[in-house]
Every structure is written in structure tokens, then in C-alpha cells.
C-alpha atoms as a PDB file:
ATOM      1  CA  MET A   1      39.970 266.955 240.792  1.00  0.00           C
ATOM      2  CA  SER A   2      40.222 269.685 238.132  1.00  0.00           C
ATOM      3  CA  THR A   3      43.283 271.928 237.751  1.00  0.00           C
ATOM      4  CA  SER A   4      41.383 274.926 239.123  1.00  0.00           C
ATOM      5  CA  VAL A   5      40.283 272.956 242.166  1.00  0.00           C
ATOM      6  CA  ALA A   6      43.816 271.747 242.792  1.00  0.00           C
ATOM      7  CA  LYS A   7      45.139 275.288 242.426  1.00  0.00           C
ATOM      8  CA  LEU A   8      42.646 276.622 244.921  1.00  0.00           C
ATOM      9  CA  ALA A   9      43.365 273.767 247.309  1.00  0.00           C
ATOM     10  CA  ALA A  10      47.050 274.593 247.174  1.00  0.00           C
ATOM     11  CA  GLN A  11      46.345 278.238 247.962  1.00  0.00           C
ATOM     12  CA  LEU A  12      44.113 277.570 250.913  1.00  0.00           C
ATOM     13  CA  THR A  13      44.458 275.947 254.308  1.00  0.00           C
ATOM     14  CA  LEU A  14      41.095 274.577 255.288  1.00  0.00           C
ATOM     15  CA  ALA A  15      39.899 275.871 258.628  1.00  0.00           C
ATOM     16  CA  ALA A  16      38.281 273.216 260.720  1.00  0.00           C
ATOM     17  CA  ALA A  17      35.859 275.549 262.452  1.00  0.00           C
ATOM     18  CA  GLY A  18      33.690 278.456 261.452  1.00  0.00           C
ATOM     19  CA  ILE A  19      33.544 277.831 257.705  1.00  0.00           C
ATOM     20  CA  PHE A  20      30.435 275.696 257.321  1.00  0.00           C
ATOM     21  CA  LEU A  21      26.958 276.979 256.702  1.00  0.00           C
ATOM     22  CA  LEU A  22      24.753 277.316 259.755  1.00  0.00           C
ATOM     23  CA  PRO A  23      21.125 276.292 259.147  1.00  0.00           C
ATOM     24  CA  GLY A  24      18.868 279.193 258.223  1.00  0.00           C
ATOM     25  CA  VAL A  25      21.675 281.740 257.893  1.00  0.00           C
ATOM     26  CA  ALA A  26      22.572 283.447 254.616  1.00  0.00           C
ATOM     27  CA  GLN A  27      26.341 283.808 254.503  1.00  0.00           C
ATOM     28  CA  ALA A  28      26.754 286.436 251.793  1.00  0.00           C
ATOM     29  CA  GLY A  29      29.195 289.252 252.230  1.00  0.00           C
ATOM     30  CA  ASN A  30      28.831 292.671 250.699  1.00  0.00           C
ATOM     31  CA  GLN A  31      29.513 292.448 246.961  1.00  0.00           C
ATOM     32  CA  LYS A  32      31.036 295.694 245.747  1.00  0.00           C
ATOM     33  CA  GLU A  33      29.813 297.716 242.809  1.00  0.00           C
ATOM     34  CA  GLU A  34      32.854 297.338 240.578  1.00  0.00           C
ATOM     35  CA  ALA A  35      34.222 299.953 238.235  1.00  0.00           C
ATOM     36  CA  MET A  36      34.122 298.215 234.862  1.00  0.00           C
ATOM     37  CA  ALA A  37      34.654 299.014 231.234  1.00  0.00           C
ATOM     38  CA  ASP A  38      31.579 299.712 229.134  1.00  0.00           C
ATOM     39  CA  SER A  39      32.347 296.607 227.078  1.00  0.00           C
ATOM     40  CA  VAL A  40      32.291 294.421 230.202  1.00  0.00           C
ATOM     41  CA  ARG A  41      29.070 296.005 231.430  1.00  0.00           C
ATOM     42  CA  LEU A  42      27.472 295.499 228.003  1.00  0.00           C
ATOM     43  CA  ALA A  43      28.592 291.864 227.840  1.00  0.00           C
ATOM     44  CA  LEU A  44      27.133 291.190 231.283  1.00  0.00           C
ATOM     45  CA  ALA A  45      23.896 292.943 230.385  1.00  0.00           C
ATOM     46  CA  ARG A  46      23.563 290.845 227.238  1.00  0.00           C
ATOM     47  CA  ALA A  47      24.228 287.673 229.218  1.00  0.00           C
ATOM     48  CA  ILE A  48      21.497 288.560 231.697  1.00  0.00           C
ATOM     49  CA  ALA A  49      19.003 289.563 228.991  1.00  0.00           C
ATOM     50  CA  ASP A  50      19.344 286.313 227.020  1.00  0.00           C
ATOM     51  CA  ALA A  51      16.135 284.455 227.851  1.00  0.00           C
ATOM     52  CA  ALA A  52      17.183 281.054 226.508  1.00  0.00           C
ATOM     53  CA  PRO A  53      15.469 278.299 228.524  1.00  0.00           C
ATOM     54  CA  PRO A  54      17.670 276.028 230.666  1.00  0.00           C
ATOM     55  CA  LYS A  55      17.047 272.933 228.569  1.00  0.00           C
ATOM     56  CA  PRO A  56      20.205 271.167 227.395  1.00  0.00           C
ATOM     57  CA  LYS A  57      20.710 269.878 223.869  1.00  0.00           C
ATOM     58  CA  PHE A  58      23.087 267.033 223.133  1.00  0.00           C
ATOM     59  CA  GLU A  59      24.638 265.915 219.876  1.00  0.00           C
ATOM     60  CA  ARG A  60      25.861 262.634 221.370  1.00  0.00           C
ATOM     61  CA  ILE A  61      23.670 260.149 223.194  1.00  0.00           C
ATOM     62  CA  ASP A  62      26.530 259.404 225.604  1.00  0.00           C
ATOM     63  CA  ASP A  63      26.551 263.049 226.694  1.00  0.00           C
ATOM     64  CA  ARG A  64      22.824 262.950 227.348  1.00  0.00           C
ATOM     65  CA  ILE A  65      23.142 259.751 229.369  1.00  0.00           C
ATOM     66  CA  GLN A  66      25.941 261.308 231.432  1.00  0.00           C
ATOM     67  CA  TYR A  67      23.786 264.385 232.070  1.00  0.00           C
ATOM     68  CA  LEU A  68      20.820 262.275 233.177  1.00  0.00           C
ATOM     69  CA  ASN A  69      23.084 260.279 235.492  1.00  0.00           C
ATOM     70  CA  TRP A  70      24.393 263.546 236.974  1.00  0.00           C
ATOM     71  CA  LEU A  71      20.839 264.802 237.407  1.00  0.00           C
ATOM     72  CA  GLY A  72      19.792 261.645 239.232  1.00  0.00           C
ATOM     73  CA  GLU A  73      22.834 261.619 241.506  1.00  0.00           C
ATOM     74  CA  MET A  74      22.557 265.307 242.414  1.00  0.00           C
ATOM     75  CA  SER A  75      18.820 264.950 243.025  1.00  0.00           C
ATOM     76  CA  SER A  76      19.531 262.205 245.523  1.00  0.00           C
ATOM     77  CA  ARG A  77      22.161 264.306 247.319  1.00  0.00           C
ATOM     78  CA  LEU A  78      19.951 267.405 247.384  1.00  0.00           C
ATOM     79  CA  LYS A  79      16.762 265.658 248.509  1.00  0.00           C
ATOM     80  CA  ARG A  80      17.289 266.385 252.208  1.00  0.00           C
ATOM     81  CA  ARG A  81      17.586 270.124 251.535  1.00  0.00           C
ATOM     82  CA  ILE A  82      14.832 270.354 248.895  1.00  0.00           C
ATOM     83  CA  PRO A  83      12.259 267.590 249.479  1.00  0.00           C
ATOM     84  CA  ASP A  84       9.945 268.568 246.600  1.00  0.00           C
ATOM     85  CA  TYR A  85      11.003 266.579 243.539  1.00  0.00           C
ATOM     86  CA  GLN A  86       9.844 269.003 240.848  1.00  0.00           C
ATOM     87  CA  THR A  87      11.483 272.011 242.529  1.00  0.00           C
ATOM     88  CA  ARG A  88      14.691 270.036 243.011  1.00  0.00           C
ATOM     89  CA  ILE A  89      14.872 268.892 239.390  1.00  0.00           C
ATOM     90  CA  GLU A  90      14.107 272.354 238.012  1.00  0.00           C
ATOM     91  CA  LEU A  91      16.825 273.852 240.192  1.00  0.00           C
ATOM     92  CA  LEU A  92      19.374 271.244 239.121  1.00  0.00           C
ATOM     93  CA  GLU A  93      18.508 271.698 235.440  1.00  0.00           C
ATOM     94  CA  THR A  94      19.025 275.437 235.873  1.00  0.00           C
ATOM     95  CA  ILE A  95      22.300 274.994 237.761  1.00  0.00           C
ATOM     96  CA  TRP A  96      23.667 272.736 235.046  1.00  0.00           C
ATOM     97  CA  TYR A  97      22.571 275.058 232.246  1.00  0.00           C
ATOM     98  CA  GLU A  98      23.668 278.358 233.767  1.00  0.00           C
ATOM     99  CA  SER A  99      26.983 277.113 235.159  1.00  0.00           C
ATOM    100  CA  ARG A 100      28.070 275.574 231.869  1.00  0.00           C
ATOM    101  CA  ARG A 101      26.814 278.612 229.973  1.00  0.00           C
ATOM    102  CA  ALA A 102      29.184 280.727 232.085  1.00  0.00           C
ATOM    103  CA  GLY A 103      32.080 278.268 231.753  1.00  0.00           C
ATOM    104  CA  LEU A 104      31.851 277.125 235.381  1.00  0.00           C
ATOM    105  CA  GLU A 105      31.723 273.684 236.948  1.00  0.00           C
ATOM    106  CA  PRO A 106      28.262 272.846 238.326  1.00  0.00           C
ATOM    107  CA  ALA A 107      29.900 271.510 241.501  1.00  0.00           C
ATOM    108  CA  LEU A 108      31.573 274.883 242.105  1.00  0.00           C
ATOM    109  CA  VAL A 109      28.261 276.698 241.694  1.00  0.00           C
ATOM    110  CA  MET A 110      26.521 274.262 244.045  1.00  0.00           C
ATOM    111  CA  GLY A 111      29.283 274.622 246.631  1.00  0.00           C
ATOM    112  CA  LEU A 112      28.900 278.389 246.467  1.00  0.00           C
ATOM    113  CA  MET A 113      25.114 278.113 246.765  1.00  0.00           C
ATOM    114  CA  GLN A 114      25.427 275.877 249.806  1.00  0.00           C
ATOM    115  CA  VAL A 115      27.626 278.434 251.535  1.00  0.00           C
ATOM    116  CA  GLU A 116      25.661 281.471 250.394  1.00  0.00           C
ATOM    117  CA  SER A 117      22.050 280.424 250.941  1.00  0.00           C
ATOM    118  CA  GLY A 118      21.823 276.761 251.884  1.00  0.00           C
ATOM    119  CA  PHE A 119      19.836 276.328 248.639  1.00  0.00           C
ATOM    120  CA  ARG A 120      17.055 278.622 249.883  1.00  0.00           C
ATOM    121  CA  LYS A 121      15.298 280.500 247.104  1.00  0.00           C
ATOM    122  CA  TYR A 122      14.214 283.437 249.254  1.00  0.00           C
ATOM    123  CA  ALA A 123      17.311 283.755 251.431  1.00  0.00           C
ATOM    124  CA  THR A 124      18.215 287.360 252.255  1.00  0.00           C
ATOM    125  CA  SER A 125      21.440 288.414 253.953  1.00  0.00           C
ATOM    126  CA  ILE A 126      21.872 291.220 256.460  1.00  0.00           C
ATOM    127  CA  VAL A 127      23.377 293.361 253.688  1.00  0.00           C
ATOM    128  CA  GLY A 128      20.460 292.682 251.331  1.00  0.00           C
ATOM    129  CA  ALA A 129      21.870 289.982 249.024  1.00  0.00           C
ATOM    130  CA  ARG A 130      19.099 287.834 247.586  1.00  0.00           C
ATOM    131  CA  GLY A 131      18.268 284.322 246.524  1.00  0.00           C
ATOM    132  CA  TYR A 132      20.149 281.114 245.877  1.00  0.00           C
ATOM    133  CA  MET A 133      23.427 282.800 244.921  1.00  0.00           C
ATOM    134  CA  GLN A 134      22.959 285.868 247.152  1.00  0.00           C
ATOM    135  CA  VAL A 135      23.134 288.527 244.464  1.00  0.00           C
ATOM    136  CA  MET A 136      23.213 292.142 245.620  1.00  0.00           C
ATOM    137  CA  PRO A 137      20.267 294.256 244.355  1.00  0.00           C
ATOM    138  CA  PHE A 138      22.493 296.901 242.729  1.00  0.00           C
ATOM    139  CA  TRP A 139      23.327 294.389 239.979  1.00  0.00           C
ATOM    140  CA  SER A 140      19.773 294.655 238.646  1.00  0.00           C
ATOM    141  CA  ARG A 141      20.445 298.343 238.023  1.00  0.00           C
ATOM    142  CA  VAL A 142      23.978 297.930 236.681  1.00  0.00           C
ATOM    143  CA  ILE A 143      23.379 295.105 234.209  1.00  0.00           C
ATOM    144  CA  GLY A 144      19.671 294.256 234.417  1.00  0.00           C
ATOM    145  CA  ASP A 145      16.311 295.911 233.931  1.00  0.00           C
ATOM    146  CA  GLY A 146      16.304 297.639 237.315  1.00  0.00           C
ATOM    147  CA  ASP A 147      13.905 295.196 238.980  1.00  0.00           C
ATOM    148  CA  PRO A 148      15.635 293.610 242.009  1.00  0.00           C
ATOM    149  CA  ALA A 149      12.549 291.476 242.734  1.00  0.00           C
ATOM    150  CA  LYS A 150      13.639 289.237 239.860  1.00  0.00           C
ATOM    151  CA  LEU A 151      16.624 288.138 241.941  1.00  0.00           C
ATOM    152  CA  PHE A 152      14.212 285.802 243.749  1.00  0.00           C
ATOM    153  CA  GLN A 153      13.375 284.052 240.465  1.00  0.00           C
ATOM    154  CA  MET A 154      15.288 280.800 240.049  1.00  0.00           C
ATOM    155  CA  GLN A 155      16.803 281.239 236.602  1.00  0.00           C
ATOM    156  CA  ALA A 156      17.349 284.974 236.940  1.00  0.00           C
ATOM    157  CA  ASN A 157      19.231 284.528 240.213  1.00  0.00           C
ATOM    158  CA  LEU A 158      21.504 281.839 238.801  1.00  0.00           C
ATOM    159  CA  ARG A 159      22.006 283.783 235.570  1.00  0.00           C
ATOM    160  CA  TYR A 160      23.183 286.821 237.537  1.00  0.00           C
ATOM    161  CA  GLY A 161      25.266 284.807 240.005  1.00  0.00           C
ATOM    162  CA  CYS A 162      27.073 282.696 237.414  1.00  0.00           C
ATOM    163  CA  SER A 163      27.695 285.667 235.109  1.00  0.00           C
ATOM    164  CA  ILE A 164      29.088 287.770 237.964  1.00  0.00           C
ATOM    165  CA  LEU A 165      31.347 284.976 239.211  1.00  0.00           C
ATOM    166  CA  ARG A 166      32.629 284.434 235.664  1.00  0.00           C
ATOM    167  CA  MET A 167      33.404 288.153 235.415  1.00  0.00           C
ATOM    168  CA  TYR A 168      35.336 288.065 238.691  1.00  0.00           C
ATOM    169  CA  ILE A 169      37.354 285.039 237.571  1.00  0.00           C
ATOM    170  CA  ASP A 170      38.247 286.887 234.366  1.00  0.00           C
ATOM    171  CA  MET A 171      39.104 290.055 236.319  1.00  0.00           C
ATOM    172  CA  GLU A 172      41.450 288.022 238.534  1.00  0.00           C
ATOM    173  CA  LYS A 173      43.021 286.280 235.516  1.00  0.00           C
ATOM    174  CA  GLY A 174      41.782 282.867 236.592  1.00  0.00           C
ATOM    175  CA  ASP A 175      42.698 283.158 240.271  1.00  0.00           C
ATOM    176  CA  LEU A 176      39.679 281.501 241.868  1.00  0.00           C
ATOM    177  CA  TYR A 177      40.776 282.366 245.404  1.00  0.00           C
ATOM    178  CA  LEU A 178      40.624 286.100 244.680  1.00  0.00           C
ATOM    179  CA  ALA A 179      37.534 285.788 242.466  1.00  0.00           C
ATOM    180  CA  LEU A 180      35.563 284.082 245.230  1.00  0.00           C
ATOM    181  CA  GLY A 181      36.707 286.780 247.625  1.00  0.00           C
ATOM    182  CA  ARG A 182      35.349 289.434 245.293  1.00  0.00           C
ATOM    183  CA  TYR A 183      32.057 287.573 245.017  1.00  0.00           C
ATOM    184  CA  ASN A 184      31.691 287.588 248.786  1.00  0.00           C
ATOM    185  CA  GLY A 185      33.089 291.077 249.315  1.00  0.00           C
ATOM    186  CA  SER A 186      36.008 289.656 251.311  1.00  0.00           C
ATOM    187  CA  ARG A 187      38.831 289.622 248.757  1.00  0.00           C
ATOM    188  CA  GLY A 188      42.092 288.365 250.229  1.00  0.00           C
ATOM    189  CA  LYS A 189      40.536 286.691 253.286  1.00  0.00           C
ATOM    190  CA  PRO A 190      40.581 282.874 253.426  1.00  0.00           C
ATOM    191  CA  GLU A 191      37.361 281.997 255.247  1.00  0.00           C
ATOM    192  CA  TYR A 192      34.934 282.284 252.338  1.00  0.00           C
ATOM    193  CA  PRO A 193      37.066 280.589 249.645  1.00  0.00           C
ATOM    194  CA  ASN A 194      37.813 277.830 252.170  1.00  0.00           C
ATOM    195  CA  ALA A 195      34.112 277.287 252.770  1.00  0.00           C
ATOM    196  CA  VAL A 196      33.262 277.167 249.067  1.00  0.00           C
ATOM    197  CA  LEU A 197      36.105 274.729 248.348  1.00  0.00           C
ATOM    198  CA  SER A 198      35.026 272.433 251.161  1.00  0.00           C
ATOM    199  CA  ASN A 199      31.433 272.396 249.961  1.00  0.00           C
ATOM    200  CA  TRP A 200      32.456 272.146 246.293  1.00  0.00           C
ATOM    201  CA  LYS A 201      33.802 268.678 247.053  1.00  0.00           C
ATOM    202  CA  ASN A 202      30.351 267.627 248.305  1.00  0.00           C
ATOM    203  CA  TRP A 203      28.901 268.144 244.817  1.00  0.00           C
ATOM    204  CA  GLU A 204      31.615 266.722 242.586  1.00  0.00           C
ATOM    205  CA  TYR A 205      30.383 264.023 240.235  1.00  0.00           C
ATOM    206  CA  LYS A 206      32.502 261.224 238.858  1.00  0.00           C
ATOM    207  CA  PRO A 207      30.868 259.549 235.833  1.00  0.00           C
ATOM    208  CA  GLN A 208      30.725 255.782 235.905  1.00  0.00           C
ATOM    209  CA  SER A 209      33.138 254.213 233.461  1.00  0.00           C
END
């Protein structure tokens, strides 16, 4: 378990009831429109505008083999939720690319997605959050091109979600408990970070030695 996972685990007491995703229900809270410095806003906007395709490049063959092993293992775990092979692989490729691009662990992003949307591309919460990572539409105005419909596009949704979570982690000086609370609009309350931590463990990958 990584240091950040251990830190979060130490901060939280897992609730046995009420923290797991119910089928068909988007669990997003109400992300707040944060006051941010122009430099932060510009950095986020640049991150969103970068149209680099989610195709990994590896300098070492061992790294590529490890990635392919991860892809195969995650595909097997995700099959029940996303039966279509091509959709599943494209989503996993995008998760891997966008999470690492933002300096996040893919397992963390997948745990968050499980809680937020149950891996449903067109999930919409009662407060209007959209897509896999349940991004609020105002973000398309604040750091995007003003088109909230793009939040239902696979890569765009993950690009926004990962970039926003990275920003919150930086704002909270690495405190993942508070950063996850900000992401969900429930900063300081344990239920959402507990749920993400619990589901994060479902997607951890241990490379074969």
C-alpha cells in the first residue's frame, strides 16, 4: 500500500454501512466553484486543452509488459460492469494515461469512478454532475471551452476529473482526505473519502515478480 493510501487509512474509520455505491445511482456531491489564482486557472485550462492521445510510450520493454499485464488484469475485473471489450479497453487506456498524467494512481481514480458513477459514461447526479468522474458543468466554463456536453466524452471527462482532483490535492498540501472531500463537495465529512478508499483497494494492482 502506498504512503498516501496508508495516510488516508489512518485518518479514516471505515463505515460498514452506507458507503458503497448503489446500482444505478450517481453519488456525486456538489463540487464548489473555487476561488483560484489566475496562474492555477491557466494551468488547469492548459491541461484540459492538451489534446494528446491516451497512448502510452515506454522506453523499457519491462515497463510495457507491466502495463499490458495491468491492462489485462483490470479488464478482467471490470468485465462485469462493462461487458463490451473495446469500450472497456479504451476506458482503461484512458484511465491509465490521464491518471498518470495528473500524478495520480490509476487505482485511486478507478475507486473514485466506482463511487461517483459506477463506471457509467452518461451518469448524471441530482446536482448535475456528469460522466464517469461526475464533473460539474461549471468547470467547462471556468477552465474549458464552455461546452458542458463534452463532459460525456470519455477522455474529456477523465481529463477534467483527474486535473481537478490533482488541483484539490495540491490545494490541501497533499491531504487526500480533505482533497476528496472537496471533490465531492463534502469537505471534512468522512463518508465520501471512506467510500473512495474502500473501493480504491478493489483496483490496486500488484505486479508479478
